[in-house]
Amino acid sequence: MNLEIRRDSMYWHVKRNDLKEIISSLQREGNYWEGQVFLTKRKKEYKLSFRVFLNSNDEDEFDIADGQFTLSISDDTFSLLEEYSVIVGKYCTPFSHELNDL
């Protein structure tokens, strides 16, 4: 899996099973889901921890600090991510997506 993170958007370049694995492995903790992704870059491995928050204000945000990636999304956005996991699993195609376009 490859995450390309920019100032106002996040691109997901995933294989069909990667996204399904992320969605299914999220652990519910109060008002957020928590998970980890392992990335390899230049033969070094990085562990990326992240939390998905369900916002009441319908705004999508993310922040990175000390290796912790925090993604805050609305209920609608989370539903779309779940739908994408089904679509990617069914049609076997990776995709790129900007959060701002959700």
PDB file of N, CA and C in Angstrom:
ATOM      1  N   MET A   1       0.837  -1.179   0.000  1.00  0.00           N
ATOM      2  CA  MET A   1       0.000   0.000   0.000  1.00  0.00           C
ATOM      3  C   MET A   1       0.877   1.236   0.000  1.00  0.00           C
ATOM      4  N   ASN A   2       0.436   2.252  -0.693  1.00  0.00           N
ATOM      5  CA  ASN A   2       1.182   3.496  -0.763  1.00  0.00           C
ATOM      6  C   ASN A   2       0.251   4.651  -0.428  1.00  0.00           C
ATOM      7  N   LEU A   3       0.613   5.445   0.564  1.00  0.00           N
ATOM      8  CA  LEU A   3      -0.149   6.640   0.899  1.00  0.00           C
ATOM      9  C   LEU A   3       0.640   7.852   0.458  1.00  0.00           C
ATOM     10  N   GLU A   4       0.027   8.697  -0.326  1.00  0.00           N
ATOM     11  CA  GLU A   4       0.660   9.949  -0.724  1.00  0.00           C
ATOM     12  C   GLU A   4      -0.096  11.065  -0.025  1.00  0.00           C
ATOM     13  N   ILE A   5       0.567  11.710   0.934  1.00  0.00           N
ATOM     14  CA  ILE A   5      -0.106  12.702   1.757  1.00  0.00           C
ATOM     15  C   ILE A   5       0.365  14.094   1.367  1.00  0.00           C
ATOM     16  N   ARG A   6      -0.588  14.955   1.045  1.00  0.00           N
ATOM     17  CA  ARG A   6      -0.278  16.338   0.707  1.00  0.00           C
ATOM     18  C   ARG A   6      -1.003  17.259   1.677  1.00  0.00           C
ATOM     19  N   ARG A   7      -0.801  18.550   1.501  1.00  0.00           N
ATOM     20  CA  ARG A   7      -1.330  19.505   2.470  1.00  0.00           C
ATOM     21  C   ARG A   7      -2.852  19.443   2.598  1.00  0.00           C
ATOM     22  N   ASP A   8      -3.559  19.354   1.479  1.00  0.00           N
ATOM     23  CA  ASP A   8      -5.017  19.398   1.547  1.00  0.00           C
ATOM     24  C   ASP A   8      -5.685  18.146   1.005  1.00  0.00           C
ATOM     25  N   SER A   9      -4.913  17.112   0.777  1.00  0.00           N
ATOM     26  CA  SER A   9      -5.523  15.894   0.243  1.00  0.00           C
ATOM     27  C   SER A   9      -4.674  14.681   0.592  1.00  0.00           C
ATOM     28  N   MET A  10      -5.278  13.530   0.475  1.00  0.00           N
ATOM     29  CA  MET A  10      -4.566  12.287   0.708  1.00  0.00           C
ATOM     30  C   MET A  10      -4.922  11.342  -0.422  1.00  0.00           C
ATOM     31  N   TYR A  11      -3.927  10.814  -1.097  1.00  0.00           N
ATOM     32  CA  TYR A  11      -4.159   9.886  -2.195  1.00  0.00           C
ATOM     33  C   TYR A  11      -3.955   8.466  -1.684  1.00  0.00           C
ATOM     34  N   TRP A  12      -4.917   7.611  -1.965  1.00  0.00           N
ATOM     35  CA  TRP A  12      -4.792   6.202  -1.615  1.00  0.00           C
ATOM     36  C   TRP A  12      -4.453   5.442  -2.887  1.00  0.00           C
ATOM     37  N   HIS A  13      -3.304   4.800  -2.930  1.00  0.00           N
ATOM     38  CA  HIS A  13      -2.961   3.916  -4.041  1.00  0.00           C
ATOM     39  C   HIS A  13      -2.955   2.519  -3.433  1.00  0.00           C
ATOM     40  N   VAL A  14      -4.009   1.785  -3.637  1.00  0.00           N
ATOM     41  CA  VAL A  14      -4.149   0.521  -2.919  1.00  0.00           C
ATOM     42  C   VAL A  14      -4.474  -0.635  -3.846  1.00  0.00           C
ATOM     43  N   LYS A  15      -4.096  -1.803  -3.410  1.00  0.00           N
ATOM     44  CA  LYS A  15      -4.550  -3.024  -4.056  1.00  0.00           C
ATOM     45  C   LYS A  15      -5.884  -3.387  -3.422  1.00  0.00           C
ATOM     46  N   ARG A  16      -6.671  -4.160  -4.107  1.00  0.00           N
ATOM     47  CA  ARG A  16      -8.036  -4.411  -3.641  1.00  0.00           C
ATOM     48  C   ARG A  16      -8.085  -4.987  -2.231  1.00  0.00           C
ATOM     49  N   ASN A  17      -7.166  -5.889  -1.916  1.00  0.00           N
ATOM     50  CA  ASN A  17      -7.198  -6.507  -0.595  1.00  0.00           C
ATOM     51  C   ASN A  17      -6.678  -5.587   0.504  1.00  0.00           C
ATOM     52  N   ASP A  18      -5.818  -4.622   0.122  1.00  0.00           N
ATOM     53  CA  ASP A  18      -5.264  -3.724   1.125  1.00  0.00           C
ATOM     54  C   ASP A  18      -6.346  -2.869   1.767  1.00  0.00           C
ATOM     55  N   LEU A  19      -7.215  -2.285   0.938  1.00  0.00           N
ATOM     56  CA  LEU A  19      -8.258  -1.426   1.483  1.00  0.00           C
ATOM     57  C   LEU A  19      -9.255  -2.236   2.298  1.00  0.00           C
ATOM     58  N   LYS A  20      -9.600  -3.415   1.809  1.00  0.00           N
ATOM     59  CA  LYS A  20     -10.512  -4.276   2.555  1.00  0.00           C
ATOM     60  C   LYS A  20      -9.907  -4.634   3.908  1.00  0.00           C
ATOM     61  N   GLU A  21      -8.598  -4.868   3.906  1.00  0.00           N
ATOM     62  CA  GLU A  21      -7.915  -5.219   5.152  1.00  0.00           C
ATOM     63  C   GLU A  21      -7.922  -4.050   6.123  1.00  0.00           C
ATOM     64  N   ILE A  22      -7.697  -2.840   5.601  1.00  0.00           N
ATOM     65  CA  ILE A  22      -7.697  -1.653   6.455  1.00  0.00           C
ATOM     66  C   ILE A  22      -9.068  -1.456   7.091  1.00  0.00           C
ATOM     67  N   ILE A  23     -10.115  -1.516   6.274  1.00  0.00           N
ATOM     68  CA  ILE A  23     -11.466  -1.304   6.784  1.00  0.00           C
ATOM     69  C   ILE A  23     -11.821  -2.371   7.811  1.00  0.00           C
ATOM     70  N   SER A  24     -11.492  -3.613   7.511  1.00  0.00           N
ATOM     71  CA  SER A  24     -11.885  -4.705   8.404  1.00  0.00           C
ATOM     72  C   SER A  24     -11.034  -4.761   9.670  1.00  0.00           C
ATOM     73  N   SER A  25      -9.816  -4.188   9.622  1.00  0.00           N
ATOM     74  CA  SER A  25      -8.931  -4.284  10.784  1.00  0.00           C
ATOM     75  C   SER A  25      -9.052  -3.097  11.727  1.00  0.00           C
ATOM     76  N   LEU A  26      -9.863  -2.114  11.360  1.00  0.00           N
ATOM     77  CA  LEU A  26     -10.019  -0.958  12.232  1.00  0.00           C
ATOM     78  C   LEU A  26     -10.657  -1.386  13.552  1.00  0.00           C
ATOM     79  N   GLN A  27     -10.067  -0.936  14.639  1.00  0.00           N
ATOM     80  CA  GLN A  27     -10.573  -1.258  15.971  1.00  0.00           C
ATOM     81  C   GLN A  27     -11.374  -0.076  16.506  1.00  0.00           C
ATOM     82  N   ARG A  28     -12.616  -0.329  16.889  1.00  0.00           N
ATOM     83  CA  ARG A  28     -13.470   0.738  17.403  1.00  0.00           C
ATOM     84  C   ARG A  28     -13.051   1.085  18.828  1.00  0.00           C
ATOM     85  N   GLU A  29     -12.761   2.370  19.050  1.00  0.00           N
ATOM     86  CA  GLU A  29     -12.388   2.865  20.376  1.00  0.00           C
ATOM     87  C   GLU A  29     -13.176   4.146  20.628  1.00  0.00           C
ATOM     88  N   GLY A  30     -14.315   4.042  21.293  1.00  0.00           N
ATOM     89  CA  GLY A  30     -15.108   5.240  21.555  1.00  0.00           C
ATOM     90  C   GLY A  30     -15.657   5.819  20.268  1.00  0.00           C
ATOM     91  N   ASN A  31     -15.292   7.074  19.963  1.00  0.00           N
ATOM     92  CA  ASN A  31     -15.810   7.729  18.763  1.00  0.00           C
ATOM     93  C   ASN A  31     -14.847   7.657  17.581  1.00  0.00           C
ATOM     94  N   TYR A  32     -13.881   6.755  17.639  1.00  0.00           N
ATOM     95  CA  TYR A  32     -12.969   6.629  16.505  1.00  0.00           C
ATOM     96  C   TYR A  32     -12.575   5.175  16.292  1.00  0.00           C
ATOM     97  N   TRP A  33     -12.060   4.911  15.095  1.00  0.00           N
ATOM     98  CA  TRP A  33     -11.494   3.607  14.762  1.00  0.00           C
ATOM     99  C   TRP A  33      -9.983   3.784  14.682  1.00  0.00           C
ATOM    100  N   GLU A  34      -9.239   2.765  15.052  1.00  0.00           N
ATOM    101  CA  GLU A  34      -7.785   2.869  15.081  1.00  0.00           C
ATOM    102  C   GLU A  34      -7.175   1.728  14.280  1.00  0.00           C
ATOM    103  N   GLY A  35      -6.089   2.003  13.596  1.00  0.00           N
ATOM    104  CA  GLY A  35      -5.431   0.959  12.823  1.00  0.00           C
ATOM    105  C   GLY A  35      -3.984   1.299  12.547  1.00  0.00           C
ATOM    106  N   GLN A  36      -3.284   0.389  11.877  1.00  0.00           N
ATOM    107  CA  GLN A  36      -1.888   0.597  11.521  1.00  0.00           C
ATOM    108  C   GLN A  36      -1.643   0.102  10.107  1.00  0.00           C
ATOM    109  N   VAL A  37      -0.736   0.786   9.421  1.00  0.00           N
ATOM    110  CA  VAL A  37      -0.322   0.383   8.085  1.00  0.00           C
ATOM    111  C   VAL A  37       1.197   0.307   8.086  1.00  0.00           C
ATOM    112  N   PHE A  38       1.739  -0.718   7.455  1.00  0.00           N
ATOM    113  CA  PHE A  38       3.189  -0.852   7.350  1.00  0.00           C
ATOM    114  C   PHE A  38       3.614  -0.451   5.941  1.00  0.00           C
ATOM    115  N   LEU A  39       4.516   0.519   5.856  1.00  0.00           N
ATOM    116  CA  LEU A  39       4.979   1.026   4.572  1.00  0.00           C
ATOM    117  C   LEU A  39       6.458   0.708   4.393  1.00  0.00           C
ATOM    118  N   THR A  40       6.869   0.524   3.148  1.00  0.00           N
ATOM    119  CA  THR A  40       8.279   0.326   2.830  1.00  0.00           C
ATOM    120  C   THR A  40       8.710   1.414   1.854  1.00  0.00           C
ATOM    121  N   LYS A  41       9.771   2.131   2.204  1.00  0.00           N
ATOM    122  CA  LYS A  41      10.288   3.178   1.334  1.00  0.00           C
ATOM    123  C   LYS A  41      11.806   3.132   1.381  1.00  0.00           C
ATOM    124  N   ARG A  42      12.407   2.984   0.225  1.00  0.00           N
ATOM    125  CA  ARG A  42      13.867   2.896   0.129  1.00  0.00           C
ATOM    126  C   ARG A  42      14.424   1.840   1.076  1.00  0.00           C
ATOM    127  N   LYS A  43      13.787   0.682   1.052  1.00  0.00           N
ATOM    128  CA  LYS A  43      14.208  -0.485   1.830  1.00  0.00           C
ATOM    129  C   LYS A  43      14.118  -0.281   3.341  1.00  0.00           C
ATOM    130  N   LYS A  44      13.427   0.772   3.774  1.00  0.00           N
ATOM    131  CA  LYS A  44      13.196   0.968   5.201  1.00  0.00           C
ATOM    132  C   LYS A  44      11.712   0.780   5.459  1.00  0.00           C
ATOM    133  N   GLU A  45      11.402   0.163   6.580  1.00  0.00           N
ATOM    134  CA  GLU A  45      10.003  -0.072   6.912  1.00  0.00           C
ATOM    135  C   GLU A  45       9.516   0.965   7.917  1.00  0.00           C
ATOM    136  N   TYR A  46       8.317   1.444   7.685  1.00  0.00           N
ATOM    137  CA  TYR A  46       7.713   2.423   8.572  1.00  0.00           C
ATOM    138  C   TYR A  46       6.356   1.908   9.029  1.00  0.00           C
ATOM    139  N   LYS A  47       6.068   2.115  10.290  1.00  0.00           N
ATOM    140  CA  LYS A  47       4.761   1.743  10.809  1.00  0.00           C
ATOM    141  C   LYS A  47       3.947   3.022  10.954  1.00  0.00           C
ATOM    142  N   LEU A  48       2.836   3.096  10.262  1.00  0.00           N
ATOM    143  CA  LEU A  48       1.995   4.284  10.277  1.00  0.00           C
ATOM    144  C   LEU A  48       0.733   3.975  11.073  1.00  0.00           C
ATOM    145  N   SER A  49       0.600   4.607  12.228  1.00  0.00           N
ATOM    146  CA  SER A  49      -0.605   4.441  13.032  1.00  0.00           C
ATOM    147  C   SER A  49      -1.584   5.539  12.652  1.00  0.00           C
ATOM    148  N   PHE A  50      -2.846   5.203  12.625  1.00  0.00           N
ATOM    149  CA  PHE A  50      -3.820   6.228  12.286  1.00  0.00           C
ATOM    150  C   PHE A  50      -5.122   6.006  13.030  1.00  0.00           C
ATOM    151  N   ARG A  51      -5.891   7.080  13.154  1.00  0.00           N
ATOM    152  CA  ARG A  51      -7.201   7.017  13.769  1.00  0.00           C
ATOM    153  C   ARG A  51      -8.211   7.667  12.833  1.00  0.00           C
ATOM    154  N   VAL A  52      -9.344   7.049  12.707  1.00  0.00           N
ATOM    155  CA  VAL A  52     -10.429   7.589  11.899  1.00  0.00           C
ATOM    156  C   VAL A  52     -11.517   8.055  12.856  1.00  0.00           C
ATOM    157  N   PHE A  53     -11.748   9.373  12.880  1.00  0.00           N
ATOM    158  CA  PHE A  53     -12.773   9.942  13.745  1.00  0.00           C
ATOM    159  C   PHE A  53     -14.034  10.208  12.941  1.00  0.00           C
ATOM    160  N   LEU A  54     -15.175   9.977  13.547  1.00  0.00           N
ATOM    161  CA  LEU A  54     -16.438  10.332  12.913  1.00  0.00           C
ATOM    162  C   LEU A  54     -16.838  11.705  13.439  1.00  0.00           C
ATOM    163  N   ASN A  55     -16.825  12.689  12.556  1.00  0.00           N
ATOM    164  CA  ASN A  55     -17.106  14.065  12.943  1.00  0.00           C
ATOM    165  C   ASN A  55     -18.591  14.363  12.962  1.00  0.00           C
ATOM    166  N   SER A  56     -18.971  15.252  13.846  1.00  0.00           N
ATOM    167  CA  SER A  56     -20.359  15.712  13.862  1.00  0.00           C
ATOM    168  C   SER A  56     -20.525  16.952  12.989  1.00  0.00           C
ATOM    169  N   ASN A  57     -19.402  17.583  12.615  1.00  0.00           N
ATOM    170  CA  ASN A  57     -19.480  18.810  11.820  1.00  0.00           C
ATOM    171  C   ASN A  57     -19.324  18.563  10.321  1.00  0.00           C
ATOM    172  N   ASP A  58     -19.286  17.304   9.910  1.00  0.00           N
ATOM    173  CA  ASP A  58     -19.188  16.953   8.492  1.00  0.00           C
ATOM    174  C   ASP A  58     -17.979  17.555   7.788  1.00  0.00           C
ATOM    175  N   GLU A  59     -16.877  17.722   8.492  1.00  0.00           N
ATOM    176  CA  GLU A  59     -15.651  18.213   7.872  1.00  0.00           C
ATOM    177  C   GLU A  59     -14.612  17.106   7.895  1.00  0.00           C
ATOM    178  N   ASP A  60     -13.828  17.043   6.832  1.00  0.00           N
ATOM    179  CA  ASP A  60     -12.771  16.039   6.734  1.00  0.00           C
ATOM    180  C   ASP A  60     -11.430  16.717   6.987  1.00  0.00           C
ATOM    181  N   GLU A  61     -10.655  16.164   7.910  1.00  0.00           N
ATOM    182  CA  GLU A  61      -9.368  16.753   8.243  1.00  0.00           C
ATOM    183  C   GLU A  61      -8.354  15.649   8.492  1.00  0.00           C
ATOM    184  N   PHE A  62      -7.069  15.991   8.361  1.00  0.00           N
ATOM    185  CA  PHE A  62      -6.048  15.042   8.787  1.00  0.00           C
ATOM    186  C   PHE A  62      -4.821  15.788   9.280  1.00  0.00           C
ATOM    187  N   ASP A  63      -4.033  15.111  10.088  1.00  0.00           N
ATOM    188  CA  ASP A  63      -2.850  15.726  10.663  1.00  0.00           C
ATOM    189  C   ASP A  63      -1.797  14.647  10.886  1.00  0.00           C
ATOM    190  N   ILE A  64      -0.536  15.042  10.797  1.00  0.00           N
ATOM    191  CA  ILE A  64       0.562  14.108  11.035  1.00  0.00           C
ATOM    192  C   ILE A  64       1.490  14.721  12.077  1.00  0.00           C
ATOM    193  N   ALA A  65       1.775  13.971  13.126  1.00  0.00           N
ATOM    194  CA  ALA A  65       2.693  14.446  14.157  1.00  0.00           C
ATOM    195  C   ALA A  65       3.344  13.241  14.819  1.00  0.00           C
ATOM    196  N   ASP A  66       4.666  13.278  14.906  1.00  0.00           N
ATOM    197  CA  ASP A  66       5.412  12.201  15.576  1.00  0.00           C
ATOM    198  C   ASP A  66       5.056  10.819  15.058  1.00  0.00           C
ATOM    199  N   GLY A  67       4.938  10.691  13.747  1.00  0.00           N
ATOM    200  CA  GLY A  67       4.654   9.392  13.153  1.00  0.00           C
ATOM    201  C   GLY A  67       3.215   8.946  13.299  1.00  0.00           C
ATOM    202  N   GLN A  68       2.383   9.779  13.908  1.00  0.00           N
ATOM    203  CA  GLN A  68       0.971   9.438  14.080  1.00  0.00           C
ATOM    204  C   GLN A  68       0.162  10.177  13.025  1.00  0.00           C
ATOM    205  N   PHE A  69      -0.579   9.433  12.257  1.00  0.00           N
ATOM    206  CA  PHE A  69      -1.411  10.011  11.203  1.00  0.00           C
ATOM    207  C   PHE A  69      -2.850   9.993  11.671  1.00  0.00           C
ATOM    208  N   THR A  70      -3.444  11.163  11.821  1.00  0.00           N
ATOM    209  CA  THR A  70      -4.820  11.254  12.292  1.00  0.00           C
ATOM    210  C   THR A  70      -5.712  11.759  11.172  1.00  0.00           C
ATOM    211  N   LEU A  71      -6.703  10.975  10.835  1.00  0.00           N
ATOM    212  CA  LEU A  71      -7.641  11.324   9.769  1.00  0.00           C
ATOM    213  C   LEU A  71      -9.022  11.460  10.384  1.00  0.00           C
ATOM    214  N   SER A  72      -9.595  12.650  10.288  1.00  0.00           N
ATOM    215  CA  SER A  72     -10.937  12.878  10.818  1.00  0.00           C
ATOM    216  C   SER A  72     -11.906  12.986   9.658  1.00  0.00           C
ATOM    217  N   ILE A  73     -12.912  12.139   9.657  1.00  0.00           N
ATOM    218  CA  ILE A  73     -13.861  12.144   8.550  1.00  0.00           C
ATOM    219  C   ILE A  73     -15.290  12.071   9.072  1.00  0.00           C
ATOM    220  N   SER A  74     -16.211  12.461   8.234  1.00  0.00           N
ATOM    221  CA  SER A  74     -17.624  12.428   8.595  1.00  0.00           C
ATOM    222  C   SER A  74     -18.181  11.022   8.427  1.00  0.00           C
ATOM    223  N   ASP A  75     -19.378  10.813   8.945  1.00  0.00           N
ATOM    224  CA  ASP A  75     -20.044   9.516   8.785  1.00  0.00           C
ATOM    225  C   ASP A  75     -20.214   9.172   7.313  1.00  0.00           C
ATOM    226  N   ASP A  76     -20.581  10.178   6.510  1.00  0.00           N
ATOM    227  CA  ASP A  76     -20.794   9.944   5.079  1.00  0.00           C
ATOM    228  C   ASP A  76     -19.509   9.504   4.400  1.00  0.00           C
ATOM    229  N   THR A  77     -18.406  10.147   4.754  1.00  0.00           N
ATOM    230  CA  THR A  77     -17.129   9.794   4.149  1.00  0.00           C
ATOM    231  C   THR A  77     -16.726   8.378   4.525  1.00  0.00           C
ATOM    232  N   PHE A  78     -16.939   8.012   5.781  1.00  0.00           N
ATOM    233  CA  PHE A  78     -16.586   6.660   6.202  1.00  0.00           C
ATOM    234  C   PHE A  78     -17.420   5.634   5.445  1.00  0.00           C
ATOM    235  N   SER A  79     -18.683   5.948   5.231  1.00  0.00           N
ATOM    236  CA  SER A  79     -19.544   5.056   4.454  1.00  0.00           C
ATOM    237  C   SER A  79     -19.014   4.903   3.035  1.00  0.00           C
ATOM    238  N   LEU A  80     -18.531   6.010   2.462  1.00  0.00           N
ATOM    239  CA  LEU A  80     -17.970   5.953   1.113  1.00  0.00           C
ATOM    240  C   LEU A  80     -16.720   5.076   1.082  1.00  0.00           C
ATOM    241  N   LEU A  81     -15.882   5.180   2.115  1.00  0.00           N
ATOM    242  CA  LEU A  81     -14.688   4.336   2.169  1.00  0.00           C
ATOM    243  C   LEU A  81     -15.081   2.865   2.227  1.00  0.00           C
ATOM    244  N   GLU A  82     -16.122   2.560   2.974  1.00  0.00           N
ATOM    245  CA  GLU A  82     -16.592   1.177   3.034  1.00  0.00           C
ATOM    246  C   GLU A  82     -17.107   0.729   1.673  1.00  0.00           C
ATOM    247  N   GLU A  83     -17.830   1.629   0.984  1.00  0.00           N
ATOM    248  CA  GLU A  83     -18.331   1.303  -0.351  1.00  0.00           C
ATOM    249  C   GLU A  83     -17.178   1.073  -1.317  1.00  0.00           C
ATOM    250  N   TYR A  84     -16.123   1.901  -1.212  1.00  0.00           N
ATOM    251  CA  TYR A  84     -14.965   1.736  -2.087  1.00  0.00           C
ATOM    252  C   TYR A  84     -14.314   0.381  -1.874  1.00  0.00           C
ATOM    253  N   SER A  85     -14.269  -0.086  -0.633  1.00  0.00           N
ATOM    254  CA  SER A  85     -13.654  -1.385  -0.389  1.00  0.00           C
ATOM    255  C   SER A  85     -14.419  -2.480  -1.113  1.00  0.00           C
ATOM    256  N   VAL A  86     -15.736  -2.331  -1.184  1.00  0.00           N
ATOM    257  CA  VAL A  86     -16.555  -3.306  -1.907  1.00  0.00           C
ATOM    258  C   VAL A  86     -16.311  -3.188  -3.407  1.00  0.00           C
ATOM    259  N   ILE A  87     -16.280  -1.949  -3.899  1.00  0.00           N
ATOM    260  CA  ILE A  87     -16.070  -1.719  -5.334  1.00  0.00           C
ATOM    261  C   ILE A  87     -14.703  -2.237  -5.774  1.00  0.00           C
ATOM    262  N   VAL A  88     -13.665  -1.894  -5.001  1.00  0.00           N
ATOM    263  CA  VAL A  88     -12.315  -2.326  -5.350  1.00  0.00           C
ATOM    264  C   VAL A  88     -12.221  -3.844  -5.295  1.00  0.00           C
ATOM    265  N   GLY A  89     -12.868  -4.442  -4.294  1.00  0.00           N
ATOM    266  CA  GLY A  89     -12.855  -5.895  -4.183  1.00  0.00           C
ATOM    267  C   GLY A  89     -13.572  -6.559  -5.342  1.00  0.00           C
ATOM    268  N   LYS A  90     -14.644  -5.934  -5.811  1.00  0.00           N
ATOM    269  CA  LYS A  90     -15.447  -6.526  -6.881  1.00  0.00           C
ATOM    270  C   LYS A  90     -14.783  -6.377  -8.243  1.00  0.00           C
ATOM    271  N   TYR A  91     -14.252  -5.175  -8.512  1.00  0.00           N
ATOM    272  CA  TYR A  91     -13.705  -4.908  -9.843  1.00  0.00           C
ATOM    273  C   TYR A  91     -12.189  -5.039  -9.915  1.00  0.00           C
ATOM    274  N   CYS A  92     -11.555  -5.289  -8.777  1.00  0.00           N
ATOM    275  CA  CYS A  92     -10.113  -5.578  -8.748  1.00  0.00           C
ATOM    276  C   CYS A  92      -9.266  -4.463  -9.337  1.00  0.00           C
ATOM    277  N   THR A  93      -9.616  -3.220  -9.049  1.00  0.00           N
ATOM    278  CA  THR A  93      -8.826  -2.108  -9.577  1.00  0.00           C
ATOM    279  C   THR A  93      -8.397  -1.190  -8.446  1.00  0.00           C
ATOM    280  N   PRO A  94      -7.138  -0.772  -8.451  1.00  0.00           N
ATOM    281  CA  PRO A  94      -6.696   0.215  -7.471  1.00  0.00           C
ATOM    282  C   PRO A  94      -7.224   1.590  -7.866  1.00  0.00           C
ATOM    283  N   PHE A  95      -7.143   2.540  -6.966  1.00  0.00           N
ATOM    284  CA  PHE A  95      -7.639   3.870  -7.288  1.00  0.00           C
ATOM    285  C   PHE A  95      -6.877   4.918  -6.500  1.00  0.00           C
ATOM    286  N   SER A  96      -7.022   6.166  -6.954  1.00  0.00           N
ATOM    287  CA  SER A  96      -6.504   7.313  -6.215  1.00  0.00           C
ATOM    288  C   SER A  96      -7.700   8.189  -5.898  1.00  0.00           C
ATOM    289  N   HIS A  97      -7.652   8.829  -4.745  1.00  0.00           N
ATOM    290  CA  HIS A  97      -8.807   9.627  -4.381  1.00  0.00           C
ATOM    291  C   HIS A  97      -8.399  10.808  -3.527  1.00  0.00           C
ATOM    292  N   GLU A  98      -9.026  11.950  -3.753  1.00  0.00           N
ATOM    293  CA  GLU A  98      -8.796  13.116  -2.926  1.00  0.00           C
ATOM    294  C   GLU A  98      -9.933  13.241  -1.937  1.00  0.00           C
ATOM    295  N   LEU A  99      -9.597  13.438  -0.675  1.00  0.00           N
ATOM    296  CA  LEU A  99     -10.641  13.571   0.335  1.00  0.00           C
ATOM    297  C   LEU A  99     -11.563  14.741   0.032  1.00  0.00           C
ATOM    298  N   ASN A 100     -11.011  15.826  -0.533  1.00  0.00           N
ATOM    299  CA  ASN A 100     -11.826  17.003  -0.797  1.00  0.00           C
ATOM    300  C   ASN A 100     -12.911  16.736  -1.822  1.00  0.00           C
ATOM    301  N   ASP A 101     -12.759  15.706  -2.638  1.00  0.00           N
ATOM    302  CA  ASP A 101     -13.757  15.404  -3.660  1.00  0.00           C
ATOM    303  C   ASP A 101     -14.872  14.520  -3.149  1.00  0.00           C
ATOM    304  N   LEU A 102     -14.754  14.032  -1.918  1.00  0.00           N
ATOM    305  CA  LEU A 102     -15.830  13.224  -1.355  1.00  0.00           C
ATOM    306  C   LEU A 102     -16.976  14.138  -1.058  1.00  0.00           C
TER     307      LEU A 102
END
